[in-house]
Amino acid sequence: MSRPPKCRRVEFMPELTFFKPAGIPVSELDVVQLTVEELEAIRLKDLLGLEQEGCAEKMGVSRPTYHRILSSARGKVAVALVEGKAIRVEGGHFEMVVRHFKCFDCDHQWELPCGVGPRGSEITCPQCQSGDVSRVNKDGRPYGCHAKKLGRGNNQDN
């Protein structure tokens, strides 16, 4: 008996989940199911152009597992395109990656799933509506390359 698949991390939830060949009624089509993590594998490799090691790391799986997910996804898309089938994106074993934010006016912290909600300068604090917010790590420290620019809690001697 095989063990159950472990949850894969996904940063993007598609708004459109059904694709079909033009001019053919849905009732006459076979449907290929692409899981959300298979779509994420295609997005990371083919759309964003990441190396497989980086893709695997982002999804929280090993490189061989990522390769199997990507191969399965590409195979399903090829079948749908060549044989004129519809594609439905649904299901799978995944968890949405969340982004953490902090308001520097009221110290409120919250999270949003990746790919959901406003971006960049459009983000305001849900508690006080201030625009003085920034993405932070889970522990509330400034996130990524913005950490040095913000100068909040960082050593300025660099």
N, C-alpha and C. Protein backbone atom coordinates (compact mmCIF):
# COMPACT_ATOMS: atom_id res chain seq x y z
N MET A 1 0.84 -1.17 0.00
CA MET A 1 0.00 0.00 0.00
C MET A 1 0.89 1.25 0.00
N SER A 2 0.60 2.18 -0.89
CA SER A 2 1.41 3.39 -0.97
C SER A 2 0.97 4.40 0.09
N ARG A 3 1.92 5.23 0.48
CA ARG A 3 1.58 6.22 1.49
C ARG A 3 0.84 7.38 0.83
N PRO A 4 0.00 8.09 1.59
CA PRO A 4 -0.74 9.21 0.99
C PRO A 4 0.20 10.34 0.61
N PRO A 5 -0.11 11.07 -0.47
CA PRO A 5 0.77 12.16 -0.88
C PRO A 5 0.78 13.28 0.15
N LYS A 6 1.94 13.89 0.32
CA LYS A 6 2.05 14.99 1.27
C LYS A 6 1.59 16.27 0.58
N CYS A 7 1.11 17.21 1.37
CA CYS A 7 0.61 18.47 0.81
C CYS A 7 1.74 19.23 0.12
N ARG A 8 1.43 19.76 -1.05
CA ARG A 8 2.38 20.58 -1.79
C ARG A 8 2.02 22.04 -1.58
N ARG A 9 3.01 22.91 -1.51
CA ARG A 9 2.75 24.34 -1.33
C ARG A 9 2.44 24.97 -2.69
N VAL A 10 1.40 25.77 -2.71
CA VAL A 10 0.95 26.43 -3.93
C VAL A 10 0.80 27.92 -3.65
N GLU A 11 1.33 28.76 -4.54
CA GLU A 11 1.25 30.21 -4.37
C GLU A 11 0.16 30.84 -5.22
N PHE A 12 -0.40 30.09 -6.18
CA PHE A 12 -1.34 30.67 -7.14
C PHE A 12 -2.59 29.81 -7.24
N MET A 13 -3.75 30.43 -7.03
CA MET A 13 -5.02 29.74 -7.22
C MET A 13 -5.68 30.35 -8.45
N PRO A 14 -5.91 29.54 -9.48
CA PRO A 14 -6.44 30.09 -10.73
C PRO A 14 -7.89 30.57 -10.58
N GLU A 15 -8.20 31.69 -11.22
CA GLU A 15 -9.58 32.17 -11.27
C GLU A 15 -10.36 31.38 -12.31
N LEU A 16 -9.71 31.07 -13.41
CA LEU A 16 -10.34 30.29 -14.47
C LEU A 16 -9.92 28.84 -14.30
N THR A 17 -10.89 27.95 -14.25
CA THR A 17 -10.57 26.55 -13.97
C THR A 17 -11.09 25.59 -15.03
N PHE A 18 -11.63 26.10 -16.12
CA PHE A 18 -12.13 25.22 -17.17
C PHE A 18 -11.76 25.80 -18.53
N PHE A 19 -11.13 24.98 -19.36
CA PHE A 19 -10.70 25.39 -20.69
C PHE A 19 -11.17 24.34 -21.68
N LYS A 20 -11.68 24.79 -22.84
CA LYS A 20 -12.17 23.83 -23.83
C LYS A 20 -11.86 24.32 -25.24
N PRO A 21 -11.82 23.39 -26.18
CA PRO A 21 -11.62 23.79 -27.57
C PRO A 21 -12.82 24.62 -28.04
N ALA A 22 -12.55 25.64 -28.83
CA ALA A 22 -13.62 26.50 -29.35
C ALA A 22 -14.49 25.72 -30.33
N GLY A 23 -15.78 26.04 -30.33
CA GLY A 23 -16.68 25.48 -31.33
C GLY A 23 -17.21 24.10 -31.05
N ILE A 24 -16.83 23.49 -29.95
CA ILE A 24 -17.33 22.15 -29.61
C ILE A 24 -18.14 22.27 -28.32
N PRO A 25 -19.40 21.82 -28.33
CA PRO A 25 -20.20 21.89 -27.11
C PRO A 25 -19.58 21.06 -25.98
N VAL A 26 -19.68 21.56 -24.77
CA VAL A 26 -19.11 20.88 -23.61
C VAL A 26 -19.65 19.46 -23.49
N SER A 27 -20.92 19.28 -23.84
CA SER A 27 -21.53 17.95 -23.70
C SER A 27 -20.87 16.90 -24.58
N GLU A 28 -20.15 17.33 -25.61
CA GLU A 28 -19.49 16.39 -26.53
C GLU A 28 -18.01 16.17 -26.20
N LEU A 29 -17.52 16.81 -25.15
CA LEU A 29 -16.09 16.75 -24.84
C LEU A 29 -15.77 15.81 -23.69
N ASP A 30 -14.65 15.13 -23.81
CA ASP A 30 -14.05 14.46 -22.67
C ASP A 30 -13.26 15.52 -21.91
N VAL A 31 -13.11 15.32 -20.61
CA VAL A 31 -12.42 16.30 -19.77
C VAL A 31 -11.20 15.67 -19.12
N VAL A 32 -10.08 16.38 -19.18
CA VAL A 32 -8.85 15.98 -18.49
C VAL A 32 -8.78 16.80 -17.21
N GLN A 33 -8.57 16.14 -16.07
CA GLN A 33 -8.45 16.87 -14.81
C GLN A 33 -6.99 17.13 -14.49
N LEU A 34 -6.67 18.42 -14.31
CA LEU A 34 -5.34 18.87 -13.92
C LEU A 34 -5.46 19.34 -12.48
N THR A 35 -4.64 18.81 -11.58
CA THR A 35 -4.73 19.23 -10.18
C THR A 35 -4.12 20.62 -10.01
N VAL A 36 -4.46 21.26 -8.91
CA VAL A 36 -3.94 22.60 -8.64
C VAL A 36 -2.42 22.57 -8.55
N GLU A 37 -1.86 21.52 -7.92
CA GLU A 37 -0.39 21.48 -7.82
C GLU A 37 0.27 21.19 -9.17
N GLU A 38 -0.42 20.48 -10.07
CA GLU A 38 0.13 20.28 -11.41
C GLU A 38 0.17 21.62 -12.17
N LEU A 39 -0.87 22.42 -12.02
CA LEU A 39 -0.86 23.74 -12.64
C LEU A 39 0.24 24.61 -12.05
N GLU A 40 0.45 24.52 -10.74
CA GLU A 40 1.52 25.28 -10.08
C GLU A 40 2.89 24.85 -10.62
N ALA A 41 3.08 23.56 -10.85
CA ALA A 41 4.35 23.07 -11.39
C ALA A 41 4.61 23.66 -12.78
N ILE A 42 3.59 23.71 -13.62
CA ILE A 42 3.72 24.31 -14.95
C ILE A 42 4.00 25.81 -14.83
N ARG A 43 3.28 26.48 -13.94
CA ARG A 43 3.46 27.93 -13.75
C ARG A 43 4.90 28.26 -13.34
N LEU A 44 5.42 27.52 -12.37
CA LEU A 44 6.77 27.80 -11.87
C LEU A 44 7.83 27.56 -12.93
N LYS A 45 7.74 26.45 -13.64
CA LYS A 45 8.78 26.07 -14.60
C LYS A 45 8.61 26.78 -15.95
N ASP A 46 7.41 26.69 -16.52
CA ASP A 46 7.21 27.16 -17.89
C ASP A 46 6.84 28.64 -17.99
N LEU A 47 6.16 29.17 -17.00
CA LEU A 47 5.79 30.59 -17.05
C LEU A 47 6.84 31.47 -16.39
N LEU A 48 7.27 31.09 -15.18
CA LEU A 48 8.26 31.89 -14.46
C LEU A 48 9.69 31.54 -14.83
N GLY A 49 9.91 30.36 -15.45
CA GLY A 49 11.24 29.97 -15.90
C GLY A 49 12.20 29.58 -14.80
N LEU A 50 11.70 29.13 -13.67
CA LEU A 50 12.58 28.72 -12.57
C LEU A 50 13.24 27.38 -12.88
N GLU A 51 14.39 27.14 -12.28
CA GLU A 51 15.04 25.84 -12.38
C GLU A 51 14.25 24.83 -11.55
N GLN A 52 14.38 23.54 -11.89
CA GLN A 52 13.59 22.53 -11.18
C GLN A 52 13.88 22.50 -9.69
N GLU A 53 15.12 22.73 -9.31
CA GLU A 53 15.45 22.73 -7.89
C GLU A 53 14.69 23.84 -7.15
N GLY A 54 14.63 25.02 -7.76
CA GLY A 54 13.89 26.13 -7.16
C GLY A 54 12.39 25.87 -7.12
N CYS A 55 11.88 25.25 -8.18
CA CYS A 55 10.46 24.90 -8.22
C CYS A 55 10.12 23.91 -7.11
N ALA A 56 10.96 22.89 -6.97
CA ALA A 56 10.73 21.88 -5.93
C ALA A 56 10.76 22.50 -4.55
N GLU A 57 11.71 23.40 -4.34
CA GLU A 57 11.82 24.07 -3.04
C GLU A 57 10.58 24.90 -2.75
N LYS A 58 10.10 25.66 -3.74
CA LYS A 58 8.90 26.48 -3.55
C LYS A 58 7.68 25.63 -3.23
N MET A 59 7.59 24.44 -3.83
CA MET A 59 6.44 23.57 -3.60
C MET A 59 6.61 22.67 -2.38
N GLY A 60 7.81 22.66 -1.79
CA GLY A 60 8.04 21.85 -0.59
C GLY A 60 8.12 20.36 -0.86
N VAL A 61 8.67 20.00 -2.04
CA VAL A 61 8.82 18.59 -2.41
C VAL A 61 10.25 18.35 -2.89
N SER A 62 10.60 17.08 -3.04
CA SER A 62 11.93 16.75 -3.57
C SER A 62 11.95 17.01 -5.08
N ARG A 63 13.16 17.08 -5.64
CA ARG A 63 13.27 17.27 -7.10
C ARG A 63 12.62 16.13 -7.88
N PRO A 64 12.84 14.85 -7.49
CA PRO A 64 12.16 13.78 -8.23
C PRO A 64 10.63 13.88 -8.17
N THR A 65 10.10 14.26 -7.01
CA THR A 65 8.65 14.41 -6.88
C THR A 65 8.17 15.56 -7.75
N TYR A 66 8.90 16.68 -7.74
CA TYR A 66 8.52 17.81 -8.59
C TYR A 66 8.53 17.38 -10.06
N HIS A 67 9.55 16.64 -10.46
CA HIS A 67 9.65 16.19 -11.85
C HIS A 67 8.44 15.32 -12.22
N ARG A 68 8.02 14.44 -11.31
CA ARG A 68 6.85 13.59 -11.58
C ARG A 68 5.58 14.44 -11.71
N ILE A 69 5.42 15.44 -10.85
CA ILE A 69 4.24 16.32 -10.92
C ILE A 69 4.24 17.07 -12.25
N LEU A 70 5.39 17.64 -12.63
CA LEU A 70 5.49 18.40 -13.88
C LEU A 70 5.25 17.51 -15.10
N SER A 71 5.83 16.32 -15.10
CA SER A 71 5.65 15.39 -16.23
C SER A 71 4.19 15.00 -16.38
N SER A 72 3.53 14.73 -15.27
CA SER A 72 2.11 14.38 -15.30
C SER A 72 1.29 15.54 -15.86
N ALA A 73 1.59 16.76 -15.41
CA ALA A 73 0.86 17.94 -15.86
C ALA A 73 1.05 18.17 -17.36
N ARG A 74 2.28 18.12 -17.81
CA ARG A 74 2.56 18.34 -19.23
C ARG A 74 1.91 17.26 -20.08
N GLY A 75 1.92 16.03 -19.61
CA GLY A 75 1.27 14.94 -20.34
C GLY A 75 -0.22 15.16 -20.49
N LYS A 76 -0.86 15.60 -19.42
CA LYS A 76 -2.31 15.86 -19.46
C LYS A 76 -2.64 17.01 -20.41
N VAL A 77 -1.84 18.07 -20.37
CA VAL A 77 -2.07 19.21 -21.27
C VAL A 77 -1.86 18.78 -22.72
N ALA A 78 -0.84 17.98 -22.98
CA ALA A 78 -0.58 17.50 -24.34
C ALA A 78 -1.75 16.66 -24.86
N VAL A 79 -2.26 15.76 -24.02
CA VAL A 79 -3.40 14.93 -24.42
C VAL A 79 -4.60 15.82 -24.76
N ALA A 80 -4.88 16.80 -23.91
CA ALA A 80 -6.02 17.68 -24.14
C ALA A 80 -5.87 18.46 -25.44
N LEU A 81 -4.68 18.98 -25.71
CA LEU A 81 -4.46 19.77 -26.92
C LEU A 81 -4.52 18.91 -28.18
N VAL A 82 -3.86 17.78 -28.15
CA VAL A 82 -3.78 16.92 -29.34
C VAL A 82 -5.09 16.21 -29.62
N GLU A 83 -5.77 15.77 -28.57
CA GLU A 83 -7.00 14.99 -28.76
C GLU A 83 -8.27 15.83 -28.63
N GLY A 84 -8.14 17.14 -28.48
CA GLY A 84 -9.31 18.02 -28.43
C GLY A 84 -10.18 17.82 -27.20
N LYS A 85 -9.56 17.70 -26.05
CA LYS A 85 -10.32 17.52 -24.80
C LYS A 85 -10.30 18.82 -24.00
N ALA A 86 -11.27 18.93 -23.09
CA ALA A 86 -11.31 20.08 -22.19
C ALA A 86 -10.37 19.83 -21.02
N ILE A 87 -9.97 20.89 -20.34
CA ILE A 87 -9.13 20.79 -19.15
C ILE A 87 -9.87 21.44 -17.99
N ARG A 88 -10.00 20.68 -16.89
CA ARG A 88 -10.58 21.22 -15.66
C ARG A 88 -9.49 21.21 -14.60
N VAL A 89 -9.28 22.36 -13.95
CA VAL A 89 -8.28 22.47 -12.88
C VAL A 89 -9.02 22.39 -11.56
N GLU A 90 -8.76 21.31 -10.82
CA GLU A 90 -9.40 21.15 -9.51
C GLU A 90 -8.72 20.04 -8.72
N GLY A 91 -8.89 20.12 -7.42
CA GLY A 91 -8.44 19.05 -6.54
C GLY A 91 -6.94 18.98 -6.37
N GLY A 92 -6.52 17.91 -5.72
CA GLY A 92 -5.11 17.69 -5.44
C GLY A 92 -4.85 17.71 -3.95
N HIS A 93 -3.59 17.65 -3.60
CA HIS A 93 -3.15 17.68 -2.20
C HIS A 93 -2.23 18.89 -2.06
N PHE A 94 -2.78 20.03 -1.66
CA PHE A 94 -1.98 21.25 -1.61
C PHE A 94 -2.43 22.14 -0.46
N GLU A 95 -1.55 23.08 -0.13
CA GLU A 95 -1.89 24.13 0.83
C GLU A 95 -1.44 25.45 0.23
N MET A 96 -2.23 26.48 0.42
CA MET A 96 -1.88 27.79 -0.10
C MET A 96 -0.80 28.43 0.76
N VAL A 97 0.19 29.00 0.11
CA VAL A 97 1.23 29.75 0.80
C VAL A 97 0.63 31.11 1.16
N VAL A 98 0.91 31.58 2.36
CA VAL A 98 0.37 32.87 2.78
C VAL A 98 1.48 33.92 2.89
N ARG A 99 1.10 35.17 2.70
CA ARG A 99 2.00 36.31 2.90
C ARG A 99 1.62 36.96 4.22
N HIS A 100 2.61 37.38 4.98
CA HIS A 100 2.39 38.02 6.28
C HIS A 100 2.66 39.51 6.14
N PHE A 101 1.81 40.33 6.78
CA PHE A 101 1.94 41.78 6.72
C PHE A 101 1.89 42.38 8.12
N LYS A 102 2.47 43.58 8.24
CA LYS A 102 2.44 44.30 9.51
C LYS A 102 2.16 45.77 9.23
N CYS A 103 1.28 46.36 10.05
CA CYS A 103 1.02 47.79 9.99
C CYS A 103 1.95 48.46 10.99
N PHE A 104 2.70 49.46 10.53
CA PHE A 104 3.64 50.13 11.41
C PHE A 104 3.00 51.29 12.17
N ASP A 105 1.71 51.56 11.91
CA ASP A 105 0.98 52.57 12.68
C ASP A 105 0.32 51.95 13.92
N CYS A 106 -0.36 50.80 13.73
CA CYS A 106 -1.09 50.20 14.85
C CYS A 106 -0.52 48.85 15.29
N ASP A 107 0.56 48.37 14.66
CA ASP A 107 1.22 47.09 14.96
C ASP A 107 0.36 45.86 14.67
N HIS A 108 -0.74 46.03 13.95
CA HIS A 108 -1.59 44.88 13.59
C HIS A 108 -0.84 44.01 12.58
N GLN A 109 -0.92 42.68 12.74
CA GLN A 109 -0.33 41.75 11.79
C GLN A 109 -1.43 40.86 11.24
N TRP A 110 -1.35 40.53 9.95
CA TRP A 110 -2.33 39.66 9.31
C TRP A 110 -1.67 38.93 8.16
N GLU A 111 -2.40 37.99 7.59
CA GLU A 111 -1.87 37.22 6.46
C GLU A 111 -2.90 37.15 5.36
N LEU A 112 -2.40 37.01 4.13
CA LEU A 112 -3.22 36.84 2.94
C LEU A 112 -2.62 35.71 2.12
N PRO A 113 -3.45 34.87 1.51
CA PRO A 113 -2.89 33.86 0.61
C PRO A 113 -2.20 34.53 -0.57
N CYS A 114 -1.14 33.93 -1.07
CA CYS A 114 -0.46 34.46 -2.25
C CYS A 114 -1.44 34.52 -3.41
N GLY A 115 -1.34 35.57 -4.20
CA GLY A 115 -2.19 35.70 -5.37
C GLY A 115 -3.59 36.19 -5.07
N VAL A 116 -3.88 36.53 -3.81
CA VAL A 116 -5.21 36.99 -3.43
C VAL A 116 -5.09 38.37 -2.81
N GLY A 117 -6.01 39.24 -3.12
CA GLY A 117 -6.02 40.56 -2.50
C GLY A 117 -5.15 41.55 -3.24
N PRO A 118 -5.04 42.75 -2.67
CA PRO A 118 -4.27 43.81 -3.33
C PRO A 118 -2.77 43.51 -3.34
N ARG A 119 -2.05 44.25 -4.17
CA ARG A 119 -0.60 44.07 -4.29
C ARG A 119 0.12 45.38 -4.01
N GLY A 120 1.33 45.25 -3.52
CA GLY A 120 2.23 46.39 -3.37
C GLY A 120 1.64 47.56 -2.62
N SER A 121 1.67 48.74 -3.26
CA SER A 121 1.25 49.98 -2.61
C SER A 121 -0.26 50.04 -2.37
N GLU A 122 -1.03 49.10 -2.93
CA GLU A 122 -2.48 49.09 -2.74
C GLU A 122 -2.87 48.50 -1.38
N ILE A 123 -1.95 47.84 -0.70
CA ILE A 123 -2.27 47.17 0.55
C ILE A 123 -2.41 48.19 1.67
N THR A 124 -3.53 48.09 2.38
CA THR A 124 -3.76 48.92 3.56
C THR A 124 -4.11 48.02 4.74
N CYS A 125 -3.89 48.53 5.92
CA CYS A 125 -4.17 47.78 7.14
C CYS A 125 -5.68 47.55 7.27
N PRO A 126 -6.11 46.31 7.47
CA PRO A 126 -7.55 46.06 7.62
C PRO A 126 -8.11 46.61 8.94
N GLN A 127 -7.24 46.92 9.88
CA GLN A 127 -7.70 47.40 11.18
C GLN A 127 -7.81 48.93 11.21
N CYS A 128 -6.76 49.65 10.74
CA CYS A 128 -6.78 51.12 10.84
C CYS A 128 -6.76 51.81 9.47
N GLN A 129 -6.71 51.06 8.37
CA GLN A 129 -6.69 51.57 7.00
C GLN A 129 -5.43 52.36 6.65
N SER A 130 -4.39 52.27 7.45
CA SER A 130 -3.13 52.96 7.16
C SER A 130 -2.44 52.31 5.97
N GLY A 131 -1.71 53.11 5.23
CA GLY A 131 -0.91 52.59 4.12
C GLY A 131 0.52 52.28 4.53
N ASP A 132 0.86 52.52 5.79
CA ASP A 132 2.22 52.26 6.28
C ASP A 132 2.34 50.79 6.69
N VAL A 133 2.26 49.92 5.68
CA VAL A 133 2.32 48.48 5.92
C VAL A 133 3.45 47.88 5.10
N SER A 134 3.90 46.72 5.52
CA SER A 134 4.96 46.04 4.79
C SER A 134 4.80 44.54 4.98
N ARG A 135 5.29 43.80 4.00
CA ARG A 135 5.33 42.36 4.13
C ARG A 135 6.42 42.01 5.14
N VAL A 136 6.13 41.05 6.02
CA VAL A 136 7.07 40.64 7.05
C VAL A 136 7.15 39.12 7.07
N ASN A 137 8.18 38.60 7.74
CA ASN A 137 8.28 37.16 7.97
C ASN A 137 7.25 36.76 9.01
N LYS A 138 7.08 35.45 9.22
CA LYS A 138 6.11 34.97 10.21
C LYS A 138 6.32 35.57 11.58
N ASP A 139 7.57 35.84 11.92
CA ASP A 139 7.88 36.36 13.26
C ASP A 139 7.78 37.89 13.33
N GLY A 140 7.31 38.55 12.25
CA GLY A 140 7.10 39.99 12.28
C GLY A 140 8.29 40.82 11.82
N ARG A 141 9.43 40.18 11.53
CA ARG A 141 10.59 40.93 11.05
C ARG A 141 10.41 41.27 9.58
N PRO A 142 11.02 42.36 9.10
CA PRO A 142 10.90 42.74 7.69
C PRO A 142 11.30 41.59 6.76
N TYR A 143 10.62 41.53 5.63
CA TYR A 143 10.75 40.43 4.69
C TYR A 143 11.71 40.77 3.55
N GLY A 144 12.56 39.82 3.20
CA GLY A 144 13.38 39.86 1.99
C GLY A 144 14.21 41.12 1.81
N CYS A 145 14.28 41.59 0.56
CA CYS A 145 15.14 42.72 0.22
C CYS A 145 14.63 44.02 0.82
N HIS A 146 13.38 44.06 1.25
CA HIS A 146 12.83 45.28 1.85
C HIS A 146 13.35 45.50 3.26
N ALA A 147 13.91 44.48 3.87
CA ALA A 147 14.35 44.57 5.26
C ALA A 147 15.34 45.71 5.46
N LYS A 148 16.33 45.84 4.59
CA LYS A 148 17.34 46.88 4.75
C LYS A 148 16.78 48.26 4.38
N LYS A 149 15.90 48.31 3.38
CA LYS A 149 15.32 49.59 2.97
C LYS A 149 14.46 50.18 4.08
N LEU A 150 13.70 49.32 4.75
CA LEU A 150 12.79 49.81 5.79
C LEU A 150 13.54 50.26 7.03
N GLY A 151 14.65 49.60 7.34
CA GLY A 151 15.44 49.97 8.49
C GLY A 151 14.75 49.70 9.81
N ARG A 152 13.74 48.87 9.81
CA ARG A 152 13.02 48.58 11.04
C ARG A 152 13.61 47.33 11.67
N GLY A 153 14.32 47.49 12.77
CA GLY A 153 14.88 46.35 13.48
C GLY A 153 16.12 45.78 12.83
N ASN A 154 16.75 46.51 11.95
CA ASN A 154 17.93 46.00 11.26
C ASN A 154 19.15 46.83 11.62
N ASN A 155 20.29 46.22 11.47
CA ASN A 155 21.55 46.90 11.71
C ASN A 155 21.84 47.81 10.52
N GLN A 156 21.97 49.10 10.74
CA GLN A 156 22.17 50.06 9.67
C GLN A 156 23.65 50.25 9.31
N ASP A 157 24.56 49.48 9.91
CA ASP A 157 25.99 49.66 9.67
C ASP A 157 26.45 49.06 8.34
N ASN A 158 25.58 48.33 7.61
CA ASN A 158 25.99 47.65 6.38
C ASN A 158 26.29 48.62 5.28
